N, C-alpha and C. Protein backbone atom coordinates (compact mmCIF):
# COMPACT_ATOMS: atom_id res chain seq x y z
N MET A 1 0.82 -1.19 -0.01
CA MET A 1 0.00 0.00 -0.01
C MET A 1 0.86 1.26 -0.01
N LYS A 2 1.92 1.25 0.85
CA LYS A 2 2.80 2.41 0.94
C LYS A 2 3.51 2.65 -0.40
N SER A 3 3.94 1.58 -1.06
CA SER A 3 4.64 1.76 -2.34
C SER A 3 3.69 2.27 -3.43
N ALA A 4 2.42 1.88 -3.35
CA ALA A 4 1.45 2.38 -4.33
C ALA A 4 1.25 3.90 -4.16
N LEU A 5 1.23 4.36 -2.93
CA LEU A 5 1.09 5.79 -2.69
C LEU A 5 2.31 6.54 -3.20
N ILE A 6 3.48 5.98 -3.02
CA ILE A 6 4.72 6.61 -3.52
C ILE A 6 4.67 6.71 -5.05
N VAL A 7 4.24 5.66 -5.71
CA VAL A 7 4.15 5.66 -7.16
C VAL A 7 3.15 6.72 -7.65
N ILE A 8 2.02 6.80 -6.99
CA ILE A 8 0.99 7.78 -7.36
C ILE A 8 1.52 9.19 -7.14
N ALA A 9 2.18 9.42 -6.00
CA ALA A 9 2.74 10.75 -5.72
C ALA A 9 3.80 11.14 -6.74
N ALA A 10 4.63 10.19 -7.12
CA ALA A 10 5.66 10.45 -8.14
C ALA A 10 5.04 10.80 -9.49
N ALA A 11 3.99 10.03 -9.88
CA ALA A 11 3.32 10.28 -11.14
C ALA A 11 2.67 11.66 -11.14
N LEU A 12 2.05 12.04 -10.06
CA LEU A 12 1.44 13.37 -9.97
C LEU A 12 2.50 14.47 -10.06
N GLY A 13 3.64 14.23 -9.42
CA GLY A 13 4.72 15.22 -9.48
C GLY A 13 5.26 15.39 -10.87
N ILE A 14 5.41 14.29 -11.60
CA ILE A 14 5.89 14.37 -12.99
C ILE A 14 4.86 15.09 -13.87
N CYS A 15 3.60 14.75 -13.70
CA CYS A 15 2.55 15.39 -14.51
C CYS A 15 2.50 16.89 -14.27
N SER A 16 2.54 17.29 -13.00
CA SER A 16 2.44 18.74 -12.71
C SER A 16 3.67 19.48 -13.16
N SER A 17 4.86 18.91 -13.06
CA SER A 17 6.06 19.60 -13.51
C SER A 17 6.09 19.70 -15.03
N THR A 18 5.56 18.69 -15.73
CA THR A 18 5.45 18.74 -17.19
C THR A 18 4.49 19.84 -17.63
N ALA A 19 3.39 20.00 -16.93
CA ALA A 19 2.42 21.04 -17.26
C ALA A 19 3.03 22.43 -17.07
N VAL A 20 3.83 22.60 -16.02
CA VAL A 20 4.49 23.88 -15.79
C VAL A 20 5.48 24.17 -16.89
N LEU A 21 6.27 23.18 -17.30
CA LEU A 21 7.22 23.39 -18.39
C LEU A 21 6.52 23.70 -19.68
N ALA A 22 5.44 23.00 -19.96
CA ALA A 22 4.71 23.25 -21.20
C ALA A 22 4.15 24.67 -21.21
N LYS A 23 3.62 25.12 -20.09
CA LYS A 23 3.08 26.48 -20.02
C LYS A 23 4.20 27.49 -20.21
N GLY A 24 5.35 27.28 -19.58
CA GLY A 24 6.46 28.19 -19.73
C GLY A 24 6.98 28.26 -21.16
N ASN A 25 6.99 27.17 -21.85
CA ASN A 25 7.48 27.14 -23.22
C ASN A 25 6.58 27.89 -24.19
N SER A 26 5.32 28.02 -23.90
CA SER A 26 4.42 28.70 -24.80
C SER A 26 4.72 30.19 -24.88
N HIS A 27 5.45 30.72 -23.92
CA HIS A 27 5.77 32.13 -23.91
C HIS A 27 7.26 32.36 -24.04
N SER A 28 8.01 31.38 -24.49
CA SER A 28 9.46 31.51 -24.48
C SER A 28 9.97 32.59 -25.39
N HIS A 29 9.26 32.92 -26.47
CA HIS A 29 9.71 33.95 -27.40
C HIS A 29 9.47 35.36 -26.85
N SER A 30 8.55 35.50 -25.95
CA SER A 30 8.16 36.83 -25.53
C SER A 30 9.20 37.53 -24.66
N SER A 31 10.16 36.81 -24.10
CA SER A 31 11.09 37.43 -23.21
C SER A 31 12.44 37.74 -23.88
N GLY A 32 12.58 37.52 -25.14
CA GLY A 32 13.89 37.73 -25.78
C GLY A 32 13.96 38.87 -26.75
N GLY A 33 13.14 39.87 -26.63
CA GLY A 33 13.20 40.98 -27.58
C GLY A 33 11.93 41.14 -28.37
N SER A 34 10.89 40.46 -27.95
CA SER A 34 9.61 40.58 -28.65
C SER A 34 8.47 40.63 -27.62
N HIS A 35 7.31 41.01 -28.09
CA HIS A 35 6.14 41.09 -27.24
C HIS A 35 4.90 40.77 -28.06
N SER A 36 3.81 40.42 -27.34
CA SER A 36 2.55 40.13 -27.98
C SER A 36 1.76 41.41 -28.14
N VAL A 37 1.05 41.53 -29.25
CA VAL A 37 0.19 42.69 -29.51
C VAL A 37 -1.25 42.15 -29.61
N SER A 38 -2.13 42.66 -28.79
CA SER A 38 -3.54 42.23 -28.81
C SER A 38 -4.23 42.69 -30.08
N GLY A 39 -5.25 41.96 -30.46
CA GLY A 39 -6.08 42.39 -31.61
C GLY A 39 -6.75 43.72 -31.28
N HIS A 40 -6.86 44.57 -32.29
CA HIS A 40 -7.45 45.90 -32.08
C HIS A 40 -7.95 46.47 -33.40
N ALA A 41 -8.75 47.50 -33.29
CA ALA A 41 -9.25 48.21 -34.48
C ALA A 41 -8.48 49.51 -34.65
N THR A 42 -8.13 49.84 -35.89
CA THR A 42 -7.45 51.10 -36.17
C THR A 42 -8.47 52.25 -36.20
N LYS A 43 -7.97 53.47 -36.34
CA LYS A 43 -8.88 54.62 -36.40
C LYS A 43 -9.89 54.50 -37.57
N SER A 44 -9.41 53.89 -38.67
CA SER A 44 -10.30 53.73 -39.83
C SER A 44 -11.27 52.56 -39.68
N GLY A 45 -11.15 51.81 -38.60
CA GLY A 45 -12.08 50.70 -38.35
C GLY A 45 -11.55 49.36 -38.82
N THR A 46 -10.35 49.31 -39.39
CA THR A 46 -9.76 48.04 -39.83
C THR A 46 -9.33 47.23 -38.63
N TYR A 47 -9.71 45.96 -38.61
CA TYR A 47 -9.30 45.08 -37.50
C TYR A 47 -7.92 44.52 -37.75
N VAL A 48 -7.05 44.61 -36.75
CA VAL A 48 -5.71 44.04 -36.82
C VAL A 48 -5.70 42.85 -35.88
N ALA A 49 -5.39 41.66 -36.42
CA ALA A 49 -5.37 40.43 -35.62
C ALA A 49 -4.22 40.45 -34.60
N PRO A 50 -4.35 39.70 -33.52
CA PRO A 50 -3.24 39.63 -32.56
C PRO A 50 -2.00 39.09 -33.25
N HIS A 51 -0.84 39.60 -32.82
CA HIS A 51 0.43 39.18 -33.42
C HIS A 51 1.59 39.48 -32.48
N HIS A 52 2.79 39.11 -32.88
CA HIS A 52 4.01 39.39 -32.14
C HIS A 52 4.79 40.46 -32.85
N ALA A 53 5.52 41.27 -32.09
CA ALA A 53 6.34 42.33 -32.67
C ALA A 53 7.66 42.40 -31.90
N THR A 54 8.71 42.87 -32.58
CA THR A 54 9.99 43.08 -31.90
C THR A 54 9.84 44.27 -30.97
N ASN A 55 10.59 44.26 -29.87
CA ASN A 55 10.57 45.39 -28.94
C ASN A 55 11.20 46.63 -29.59
N PRO A 56 10.66 47.81 -29.32
CA PRO A 56 11.23 49.00 -29.92
C PRO A 56 12.62 49.29 -29.40
N ASN A 57 13.48 49.77 -30.29
CA ASN A 57 14.82 50.22 -29.90
C ASN A 57 15.29 51.20 -30.96
N SER A 58 16.57 51.59 -30.89
CA SER A 58 17.07 52.67 -31.77
C SER A 58 17.57 52.15 -33.13
N THR A 59 17.47 50.87 -33.39
CA THR A 59 17.95 50.33 -34.67
C THR A 59 16.84 49.57 -35.39
N LYS A 60 16.91 49.55 -36.71
CA LYS A 60 15.94 48.78 -37.49
C LYS A 60 16.54 47.47 -37.99
N SER A 61 17.86 47.30 -37.87
CA SER A 61 18.52 46.11 -38.45
C SER A 61 18.22 44.82 -37.72
N ASP A 62 17.66 44.89 -36.52
CA ASP A 62 17.34 43.67 -35.80
C ASP A 62 15.83 43.34 -35.85
N ASN A 63 15.06 44.09 -36.61
CA ASN A 63 13.63 43.79 -36.76
C ASN A 63 13.47 42.59 -37.69
N TRP A 64 12.42 41.80 -37.48
CA TRP A 64 12.19 40.60 -38.31
C TRP A 64 11.99 40.92 -39.76
N SER A 65 11.53 42.12 -40.09
CA SER A 65 11.27 42.47 -41.48
C SER A 65 12.54 42.88 -42.23
N HIS A 66 13.65 43.06 -41.51
CA HIS A 66 14.91 43.48 -42.15
C HIS A 66 15.57 42.29 -42.85
N LYS A 67 16.19 42.54 -44.01
CA LYS A 67 16.88 41.48 -44.76
C LYS A 67 17.92 40.82 -43.85
N GLY A 68 18.00 39.49 -43.94
CA GLY A 68 18.94 38.74 -43.12
C GLY A 68 18.35 38.20 -41.85
N ASN A 69 17.16 38.65 -41.48
CA ASN A 69 16.49 38.18 -40.28
C ASN A 69 15.28 37.31 -40.68
N VAL A 70 14.88 36.45 -39.77
CA VAL A 70 13.74 35.56 -39.99
C VAL A 70 12.78 35.68 -38.82
N ASN A 71 11.50 35.86 -39.12
CA ASN A 71 10.49 35.93 -38.07
C ASN A 71 10.35 34.54 -37.45
N PRO A 72 10.65 34.36 -36.14
CA PRO A 72 10.59 33.03 -35.54
C PRO A 72 9.17 32.46 -35.43
N TYR A 73 8.17 33.31 -35.55
CA TYR A 73 6.79 32.83 -35.43
C TYR A 73 6.22 32.37 -36.77
N THR A 74 6.61 33.04 -37.85
CA THR A 74 6.04 32.72 -39.17
C THR A 74 7.03 32.02 -40.09
N GLY A 75 8.33 32.16 -39.83
CA GLY A 75 9.35 31.60 -40.70
C GLY A 75 9.66 32.44 -41.91
N LYS A 76 9.00 33.61 -42.02
CA LYS A 76 9.20 34.51 -43.17
C LYS A 76 10.55 35.23 -43.04
N GLU A 77 11.26 35.33 -44.16
CA GLU A 77 12.50 36.07 -44.19
C GLU A 77 12.20 37.56 -44.37
N GLY A 78 13.07 38.42 -43.81
CA GLY A 78 12.90 39.85 -43.94
C GLY A 78 13.19 40.31 -45.35
N THR A 79 12.53 41.40 -45.80
CA THR A 79 12.71 41.89 -47.14
C THR A 79 13.15 43.36 -47.18
N LYS A 80 13.07 44.06 -46.07
CA LYS A 80 13.38 45.50 -46.04
C LYS A 80 14.86 45.73 -45.87
N GLN A 81 15.35 46.80 -46.50
CA GLN A 81 16.77 47.17 -46.40
C GLN A 81 17.03 47.92 -45.14
């Protein structure tokens, strides 16, 4: 009986730690220079779907749209100079 309780406790521990890791991985890109943008309507009424964007800074060469960079969410290569 005691060994069965130990096995159950171990299984629950593994399941809960896996769930925490999975939850953490879903946001792994957001802490490295990008952020999520919520869906919103523009002044003209056009709806913009939720998306990810690079964090603002003083350079444009590290944006996903710049040539030589790849958007990690879509896999698209940058085209802007």
